[in-house]
Amino acid sequence: MEKKLELYGASWCLKSAKLRNYLQSQWIEFDDHDVEDDAAAAERVKARYEGVLKFPTVIVGDEHLKNPTIQELDAFLEKHGIE
């Protein structure tokens, strides 16, 4: 089963936009979730941070990164075989 990359952020968040734009520029497929418009997405993020909504959060399987740099994101993608 192929692992799916998920980005959780908000439309107004510049850090979320930076990650979204980077992933798109690299032609990396991902599911984009706006935690302000999607209550279920917000709950999935809160479940990882003891009920606190933190974004941008990048998730693959059971692992996640909060507000990663591009270098941290690249290492995370490589670890999960996402190119």
PDB file of N, CA and C in Angstrom:
ATOM      1  N   MET A   1       0.830  -1.185   0.000  1.00  0.00           N
ATOM      2  CA  MET A   1       0.000   0.000   0.000  1.00  0.00           C
ATOM      3  C   MET A   1       0.876   1.252   0.000  1.00  0.00           C
ATOM      4  N   GLU A   2       0.589   2.161  -0.900  1.00  0.00           N
ATOM      5  CA  GLU A   2       1.366   3.383  -1.016  1.00  0.00           C
ATOM      6  C   GLU A   2       1.000   4.353   0.101  1.00  0.00           C
ATOM      7  N   LYS A   3       2.017   4.952   0.691  1.00  0.00           N
ATOM      8  CA  LYS A   3       1.790   5.924   1.751  1.00  0.00           C
ATOM      9  C   LYS A   3       1.364   7.243   1.128  1.00  0.00           C
ATOM     10  N   LYS A   4       0.394   7.885   1.754  1.00  0.00           N
ATOM     11  CA  LYS A   4      -0.130   9.145   1.249  1.00  0.00           C
ATOM     12  C   LYS A   4       0.341  10.290   2.137  1.00  0.00           C
ATOM     13  N   LEU A   5       0.823  11.346   1.512  1.00  0.00           N
ATOM     14  CA  LEU A   5       1.245  12.546   2.211  1.00  0.00           C
ATOM     15  C   LEU A   5       0.030  13.443   2.417  1.00  0.00           C
ATOM     16  N   GLU A   6      -0.097  13.966   3.626  1.00  0.00           N
ATOM     17  CA  GLU A   6      -1.194  14.875   3.936  1.00  0.00           C
ATOM     18  C   GLU A   6      -0.624  16.161   4.519  1.00  0.00           C
ATOM     19  N   LEU A   7      -1.139  17.292   4.049  1.00  0.00           N
ATOM     20  CA  LEU A   7      -0.767  18.601   4.572  1.00  0.00           C
ATOM     21  C   LEU A   7      -1.993  19.205   5.242  1.00  0.00           C
ATOM     22  N   TYR A   8      -1.829  19.590   6.498  1.00  0.00           N
ATOM     23  CA  TYR A   8      -2.891  20.237   7.254  1.00  0.00           C
ATOM     24  C   TYR A   8      -2.456  21.664   7.544  1.00  0.00           C
ATOM     25  N   GLY A   9      -3.253  22.615   7.082  1.00  0.00           N
ATOM     26  CA  GLY A   9      -2.911  24.016   7.280  1.00  0.00           C
ATOM     27  C   GLY A   9      -4.154  24.880   7.182  1.00  0.00           C
ATOM     28  N   ALA A  10      -3.934  26.171   6.947  1.00  0.00           N
ATOM     29  CA  ALA A  10      -5.030  27.122   6.785  1.00  0.00           C
ATOM     30  C   ALA A  10      -4.737  27.988   5.567  1.00  0.00           C
ATOM     31  N   SER A  11      -5.787  28.451   4.914  1.00  0.00           N
ATOM     32  CA  SER A  11      -5.620  29.217   3.674  1.00  0.00           C
ATOM     33  C   SER A  11      -4.846  30.507   3.891  1.00  0.00           C
ATOM     34  N   TRP A  12      -4.965  31.116   5.051  1.00  0.00           N
ATOM     35  CA  TRP A  12      -4.291  32.389   5.330  1.00  0.00           C
ATOM     36  C   TRP A  12      -2.868  32.219   5.869  1.00  0.00           C
ATOM     37  N   CYS A  13      -2.475  30.994   6.183  1.00  0.00           N
ATOM     38  CA  CYS A  13      -1.190  30.729   6.834  1.00  0.00           C
ATOM     39  C   CYS A  13      -0.059  30.708   5.795  1.00  0.00           C
ATOM     40  N   LEU A  14       0.877  31.637   5.927  1.00  0.00           N
ATOM     41  CA  LEU A  14       1.982  31.721   4.963  1.00  0.00           C
ATOM     42  C   LEU A  14       2.877  30.491   4.999  1.00  0.00           C
ATOM     43  N   LYS A  15       3.076  29.916   6.174  1.00  0.00           N
ATOM     44  CA  LYS A  15       3.914  28.714   6.270  1.00  0.00           C
ATOM     45  C   LYS A  15       3.237  27.531   5.578  1.00  0.00           C
ATOM     46  N   SER A  16       1.923  27.427   5.728  1.00  0.00           N
ATOM     47  CA  SER A  16       1.181  26.376   5.017  1.00  0.00           C
ATOM     48  C   SER A  16       1.307  26.574   3.512  1.00  0.00           C
ATOM     49  N   ALA A  17       1.172  27.814   3.060  1.00  0.00           N
ATOM     50  CA  ALA A  17       1.266  28.117   1.627  1.00  0.00           C
ATOM     51  C   ALA A  17       2.655  27.786   1.094  1.00  0.00           C
ATOM     52  N   LYS A  18       3.693  28.075   1.883  1.00  0.00           N
ATOM     53  CA  LYS A  18       5.063  27.777   1.453  1.00  0.00           C
ATOM     54  C   LYS A  18       5.240  26.277   1.232  1.00  0.00           C
ATOM     55  N   LEU A  19       4.752  25.463   2.174  1.00  0.00           N
ATOM     56  CA  LEU A  19       4.865  24.006   2.029  1.00  0.00           C
ATOM     57  C   LEU A  19       4.029  23.516   0.851  1.00  0.00           C
ATOM     58  N   ARG A  20       2.817  24.038   0.720  1.00  0.00           N
ATOM     59  CA  ARG A  20       1.928  23.653  -0.383  1.00  0.00           C
ATOM     60  C   ARG A  20       2.590  23.972  -1.726  1.00  0.00           C
ATOM     61  N   ASN A  21       3.122  25.179  -1.855  1.00  0.00           N
ATOM     62  CA  ASN A  21       3.764  25.589  -3.106  1.00  0.00           C
ATOM     63  C   ASN A  21       4.997  24.747  -3.406  1.00  0.00           C
ATOM     64  N   TYR A  22       5.767  24.434  -2.373  1.00  0.00           N
ATOM     65  CA  TYR A  22       6.959  23.615  -2.573  1.00  0.00           C
ATOM     66  C   TYR A  22       6.570  22.219  -3.071  1.00  0.00           C
ATOM     67  N   LEU A  23       5.616  21.594  -2.419  1.00  0.00           N
ATOM     68  CA  LEU A  23       5.190  20.249  -2.827  1.00  0.00           C
ATOM     69  C   LEU A  23       4.675  20.253  -4.262  1.00  0.00           C
ATOM     70  N   GLN A  24       3.898  21.269  -4.604  1.00  0.00           N
ATOM     71  CA  GLN A  24       3.385  21.370  -5.971  1.00  0.00           C
ATOM     72  C   GLN A  24       4.516  21.580  -6.971  1.00  0.00           C
ATOM     73  N   SER A  25       5.512  22.386  -6.602  1.00  0.00           N
ATOM     74  CA  SER A  25       6.635  22.649  -7.519  1.00  0.00           C
ATOM     75  C   SER A  25       7.471  21.400  -7.765  1.00  0.00           C
ATOM     76  N   GLN A  26       7.443  20.464  -6.797  1.00  0.00           N
ATOM     77  CA  GLN A  26       8.180  19.210  -6.923  1.00  0.00           C
ATOM     78  C   GLN A  26       7.321  18.087  -7.513  1.00  0.00           C
ATOM     79  N   TRP A  27       6.093  18.405  -7.873  1.00  0.00           N
ATOM     80  CA  TRP A  27       5.151  17.445  -8.438  1.00  0.00           C
ATOM     81  C   TRP A  27       4.883  16.280  -7.488  1.00  0.00           C
ATOM     82  N   ILE A  28       4.829  16.583  -6.201  1.00  0.00           N
ATOM     83  CA  ILE A  28       4.554  15.565  -5.186  1.00  0.00           C
ATOM     84  C   ILE A  28       3.059  15.588  -4.884  1.00  0.00           C
ATOM     85  N   GLU A  29       2.435  14.425  -5.006  1.00  0.00           N
ATOM     86  CA  GLU A  29       1.008  14.334  -4.720  1.00  0.00           C
ATOM     87  C   GLU A  29       0.774  14.354  -3.215  1.00  0.00           C
ATOM     88  N   PHE A  30      -0.239  15.097  -2.802  1.00  0.00           N
ATOM     89  CA  PHE A  30      -0.579  15.162  -1.392  1.00  0.00           C
ATOM     90  C   PHE A  30      -2.042  15.564  -1.240  1.00  0.00           C
ATOM     91  N   ASP A  31      -2.609  15.207  -0.098  1.00  0.00           N
ATOM     92  CA  ASP A  31      -3.950  15.652   0.252  1.00  0.00           C
ATOM     93  C   ASP A  31      -3.802  16.936   1.054  1.00  0.00           C
ATOM     94  N   ASP A  32      -4.520  17.959   0.638  1.00  0.00           N
ATOM     95  CA  ASP A  32      -4.428  19.280   1.258  1.00  0.00           C
ATOM     96  C   ASP A  32      -5.688  19.513   2.095  1.00  0.00           C
ATOM     97  N   HIS A  33      -5.508  19.705   3.405  1.00  0.00           N
ATOM     98  CA  HIS A  33      -6.636  19.878   4.319  1.00  0.00           C
ATOM     99  C   HIS A  33      -6.578  21.249   4.975  1.00  0.00           C
ATOM    100  N   ASP A  34      -7.658  22.013   4.867  1.00  0.00           N
ATOM    101  CA  ASP A  34      -7.766  23.309   5.537  1.00  0.00           C
ATOM    102  C   ASP A  34      -8.456  23.070   6.878  1.00  0.00           C
ATOM    103  N   VAL A  35      -7.705  23.217   7.957  1.00  0.00           N
ATOM    104  CA  VAL A  35      -8.226  22.895   9.289  1.00  0.00           C
ATOM    105  C   VAL A  35      -9.300  23.876   9.750  1.00  0.00           C
ATOM    106  N   GLU A  36      -9.440  24.993   9.064  1.00  0.00           N
ATOM    107  CA  GLU A  36     -10.491  25.948   9.438  1.00  0.00           C
ATOM    108  C   GLU A  36     -11.804  25.650   8.727  1.00  0.00           C
ATOM    109  N   ASP A  37     -11.746  24.958   7.594  1.00  0.00           N
ATOM    110  CA  ASP A  37     -12.953  24.627   6.834  1.00  0.00           C
ATOM    111  C   ASP A  37     -13.381  23.176   7.009  1.00  0.00           C
ATOM    112  N   ASP A  38     -12.529  22.356   7.591  1.00  0.00           N
ATOM    113  CA  ASP A  38     -12.782  20.920   7.700  1.00  0.00           C
ATOM    114  C   ASP A  38     -12.604  20.496   9.165  1.00  0.00           C
ATOM    115  N   ALA A  39     -13.711  20.375   9.871  1.00  0.00           N
ATOM    116  CA  ALA A  39     -13.666  20.048  11.309  1.00  0.00           C
ATOM    117  C   ALA A  39     -13.016  18.691  11.555  1.00  0.00           C
ATOM    118  N   ALA A  40     -13.248  17.722  10.672  1.00  0.00           N
ATOM    119  CA  ALA A  40     -12.646  16.396  10.848  1.00  0.00           C
ATOM    120  C   ALA A  40     -11.125  16.482  10.708  1.00  0.00           C
ATOM    121  N   ALA A  41     -10.643  17.299   9.782  1.00  0.00           N
ATOM    122  CA  ALA A  41      -9.198  17.481   9.613  1.00  0.00           C
ATOM    123  C   ALA A  41      -8.609  18.134  10.859  1.00  0.00           C
ATOM    124  N   ALA A  42      -9.296  19.134  11.387  1.00  0.00           N
ATOM    125  CA  ALA A  42      -8.825  19.797  12.607  1.00  0.00           C
ATOM    126  C   ALA A  42      -8.732  18.803  13.754  1.00  0.00           C
ATOM    127  N   GLU A  43      -9.690  17.915  13.864  1.00  0.00           N
ATOM    128  CA  GLU A  43      -9.681  16.912  14.936  1.00  0.00           C
ATOM    129  C   GLU A  43      -8.537  15.916  14.761  1.00  0.00           C
ATOM    130  N   ARG A  44      -8.219  15.558  13.507  1.00  0.00           N
ATOM    131  CA  ARG A  44      -7.100  14.642  13.262  1.00  0.00           C
ATOM    132  C   ARG A  44      -5.784  15.268  13.711  1.00  0.00           C
ATOM    133  N   VAL A  45      -5.639  16.570  13.500  1.00  0.00           N
ATOM    134  CA  VAL A  45      -4.422  17.261  13.941  1.00  0.00           C
ATOM    135  C   VAL A  45      -4.410  17.366  15.464  1.00  0.00           C
ATOM    136  N   LYS A  46      -5.511  17.769  16.041  1.00  0.00           N
ATOM    137  CA  LYS A  46      -5.588  17.919  17.506  1.00  0.00           C
ATOM    138  C   LYS A  46      -5.260  16.609  18.219  1.00  0.00           C
ATOM    139  N   ALA A  47      -5.632  15.494  17.620  1.00  0.00           N
ATOM    140  CA  ALA A  47      -5.371  14.186  18.233  1.00  0.00           C
ATOM    141  C   ALA A  47      -3.874  13.918  18.368  1.00  0.00           C
ATOM    142  N   ARG A  48      -3.067  14.564  17.554  1.00  0.00           N
ATOM    143  CA  ARG A  48      -1.611  14.378  17.608  1.00  0.00           C
ATOM    144  C   ARG A  48      -0.934  15.315  18.594  1.00  0.00           C
ATOM    145  N   TYR A  49      -1.638  16.352  19.028  1.00  0.00           N
ATOM    146  CA  TYR A  49      -1.047  17.381  19.890  1.00  0.00           C
ATOM    147  C   TYR A  49      -1.873  17.618  21.160  1.00  0.00           C
ATOM    148  N   GLU A  50      -2.365  16.551  21.759  1.00  0.00           N
ATOM    149  CA  GLU A  50      -3.096  16.625  23.032  1.00  0.00           C
ATOM    150  C   GLU A  50      -4.210  17.666  23.003  1.00  0.00           C
ATOM    151  N   GLY A  51      -4.959  17.705  21.897  1.00  0.00           N
ATOM    152  CA  GLY A  51      -6.121  18.574  21.793  1.00  0.00           C
ATOM    153  C   GLY A  51      -5.841  19.976  21.291  1.00  0.00           C
ATOM    154  N   VAL A  52      -4.597  20.262  20.957  1.00  0.00           N
ATOM    155  CA  VAL A  52      -4.238  21.597  20.475  1.00  0.00           C
ATOM    156  C   VAL A  52      -4.099  21.566  18.952  1.00  0.00           C
ATOM    157  N   LEU A  53      -4.658  22.573  18.295  1.00  0.00           N
ATOM    158  CA  LEU A  53      -4.578  22.666  16.842  1.00  0.00           C
ATOM    159  C   LEU A  53      -3.266  23.359  16.460  1.00  0.00           C
ATOM    160  N   LYS A  54      -2.368  22.603  15.825  1.00  0.00           N
ATOM    161  CA  LYS A  54      -1.075  23.146  15.412  1.00  0.00           C
ATOM    162  C   LYS A  54      -0.894  22.884  13.923  1.00  0.00           C
ATOM    163  N   PHE A  55      -0.504  23.915  13.210  1.00  0.00           N
ATOM    164  CA  PHE A  55      -0.298  23.779  11.768  1.00  0.00           C
ATOM    165  C   PHE A  55       0.717  24.797  11.301  1.00  0.00           C
ATOM    166  N   PRO A  56       1.346  24.532  10.152  1.00  0.00           N
ATOM    167  CA  PRO A  56       1.123  23.386   9.288  1.00  0.00           C
ATOM    168  C   PRO A  56       1.685  22.100   9.889  1.00  0.00           C
ATOM    169  N   THR A  57       0.946  21.039   9.656  1.00  0.00           N
ATOM    170  CA  THR A  57       1.363  19.704  10.054  1.00  0.00           C
ATOM    171  C   THR A  57       1.368  18.822   8.804  1.00  0.00           C
ATOM    172  N   VAL A  58       2.427  18.062   8.650  1.00  0.00           N
ATOM    173  CA  VAL A  58       2.557  17.127   7.527  1.00  0.00           C
ATOM    174  C   VAL A  58       2.502  15.722   8.114  1.00  0.00           C
ATOM    175  N   ILE A  59       1.664  14.868   7.530  1.00  0.00           N
ATOM    176  CA  ILE A  59       1.463  13.519   8.054  1.00  0.00           C
ATOM    177  C   ILE A  59       1.663  12.485   6.946  1.00  0.00           C
ATOM    178  N   VAL A  60       2.390  11.433   7.299  1.00  0.00           N
ATOM    179  CA  VAL A  60       2.469  10.224   6.477  1.00  0.00           C
ATOM    180  C   VAL A  60       2.287   9.066   7.431  1.00  0.00           C
ATOM    181  N   GLY A  61       1.216   8.295   7.234  1.00  0.00           N
ATOM    182  CA  GLY A  61       0.952   7.166   8.121  1.00  0.00           C
ATOM    183  C   GLY A  61       0.788   7.619   9.558  1.00  0.00           C
ATOM    184  N   ASP A  62       1.590   7.043  10.461  1.00  0.00           N
ATOM    185  CA  ASP A  62       1.509   7.378  11.880  1.00  0.00           C
ATOM    186  C   ASP A  62       2.489   8.469  12.291  1.00  0.00           C
ATOM    187  N   GLU A  63       3.287   8.956  11.352  1.00  0.00           N
ATOM    188  CA  GLU A  63       4.307   9.957  11.681  1.00  0.00           C
ATOM    189  C   GLU A  63       3.886  11.336  11.186  1.00  0.00           C
ATOM    190  N   HIS A  64       4.337  12.354  11.921  1.00  0.00           N
ATOM    191  CA  HIS A  64       4.008  13.718  11.527  1.00  0.00           C
ATOM    192  C   HIS A  64       5.143  14.684  11.844  1.00  0.00           C
ATOM    193  N   LEU A  65       5.100  15.812  11.162  1.00  0.00           N
ATOM    194  CA  LEU A  65       6.023  16.919  11.403  1.00  0.00           C
ATOM    195  C   LEU A  65       5.194  18.177  11.610  1.00  0.00           C
ATOM    196  N   LYS A  66       5.587  18.995  12.579  1.00  0.00           N
ATOM    197  CA  LYS A  66       4.919  20.274  12.789  1.00  0.00           C
ATOM    198  C   LYS A  66       5.815  21.377  12.250  1.00  0.00           C
ATOM    199  N   ASN A  67       5.243  22.181  11.361  1.00  0.00           N
ATOM    200  CA  ASN A  67       5.915  23.359  10.832  1.00  0.00           C
ATOM    201  C   ASN A  67       7.354  23.058  10.371  1.00  0.00           C
ATOM    202  N   PRO A  68       7.517  22.086   9.477  1.00  0.00           N
ATOM    203  CA  PRO A  68       8.880  21.724   9.062  1.00  0.00           C
ATOM    204  C   PRO A  68       9.503  22.752   8.128  1.00  0.00           C
ATOM    205  N   THR A  69      10.826  22.818   8.152  1.00  0.00           N
ATOM    206  CA  THR A  69      11.552  23.551   7.123  1.00  0.00           C
ATOM    207  C   THR A  69      11.506  22.700   5.851  1.00  0.00           C
ATOM    208  N   ILE A  70      11.914  23.289   4.743  1.00  0.00           N
ATOM    209  CA  ILE A  70      11.958  22.527   3.490  1.00  0.00           C
ATOM    210  C   ILE A  70      12.934  21.362   3.627  1.00  0.00           C
ATOM    211  N   GLN A  71      14.063  21.584   4.294  1.00  0.00           N
ATOM    212  CA  GLN A  71      15.052  20.523   4.476  1.00  0.00           C
ATOM    213  C   GLN A  71      14.474  19.387   5.335  1.00  0.00           C
ATOM    214  N   GLU A  72      13.761  19.739   6.394  1.00  0.00           N
ATOM    215  CA  GLU A  72      13.132  18.710   7.241  1.00  0.00           C
ATOM    216  C   GLU A  72      12.062  17.959   6.458  1.00  0.00           C
ATOM    217  N   LEU A  73      11.296  18.679   5.656  1.00  0.00           N
ATOM    218  CA  LEU A  73      10.268  18.046   4.833  1.00  0.00           C
ATOM    219  C   LEU A  73      10.903  17.091   3.829  1.00  0.00           C
ATOM    220  N   ASP A  74      11.984  17.519   3.167  1.00  0.00           N
ATOM    221  CA  ASP A  74      12.668  16.647   2.201  1.00  0.00           C
ATOM    222  C   ASP A  74      13.152  15.362   2.863  1.00  0.00           C
ATOM    223  N   ALA A  75      13.739  15.476   4.065  1.00  0.00           N
ATOM    224  CA  ALA A  75      14.228  14.293   4.784  1.00  0.00           C
ATOM    225  C   ALA A  75      13.062  13.376   5.149  1.00  0.00           C
ATOM    226  N   PHE A  76      11.943  13.943   5.556  1.00  0.00           N
ATOM    227  CA  PHE A  76      10.742  13.190   5.928  1.00  0.00           C
ATOM    228  C   PHE A  76      10.198  12.452   4.694  1.00  0.00           C
ATOM    229  N   LEU A  77      10.146  13.138   3.562  1.00  0.00           N
ATOM    230  CA  LEU A  77       9.659  12.515   2.332  1.00  0.00           C
ATOM    231  C   LEU A  77      10.582  11.380   1.892  1.00  0.00           C
ATOM    232  N   GLU A  78      11.882  11.610   1.980  1.00  0.00           N
ATOM    233  CA  GLU A  78      12.853  10.570   1.601  1.00  0.00           C
ATOM    234  C   GLU A  78      12.706   9.348   2.502  1.00  0.00           C
ATOM    235  N   LYS A  79      12.551   9.591   3.790  1.00  0.00           N
ATOM    236  CA  LYS A  79      12.389   8.490   4.755  1.00  0.00           C
ATOM    237  C   LYS A  79      11.194   7.617   4.382  1.00  0.00           C
ATOM    238  N   HIS A  80      10.146   8.240   3.851  1.00  0.00           N
ATOM    239  CA  HIS A  80       8.926   7.511   3.513  1.00  0.00           C
ATOM    240  C   HIS A  80       8.842   7.125   2.031  1.00  0.00           C
ATOM    241  N   GLY A  81       9.926   7.362   1.300  1.00  0.00           N
ATOM    242  CA  GLY A  81       9.953   6.964  -0.107  1.00  0.00           C
ATOM    243  C   GLY A  81       9.024   7.759  -0.996  1.00  0.00           C
ATOM    244  N   ILE A  82       8.769   9.010  -0.622  1.00  0.00           N
ATOM    245  CA  ILE A  82       7.888   9.871  -1.414  1.00  0.00           C
ATOM    246  C   ILE A  82       8.762  10.844  -2.189  1.00  0.00           C
ATOM    247  N   GLU A  83       8.619  10.782  -3.515  1.00  0.00           N
ATOM    248  CA  GLU A  83       9.430  11.667  -4.366  1.00  0.00           C
ATOM    249  C   GLU A  83       8.575  12.291  -5.419  1.00  0.00           C
TER     250      GLU A  83
END
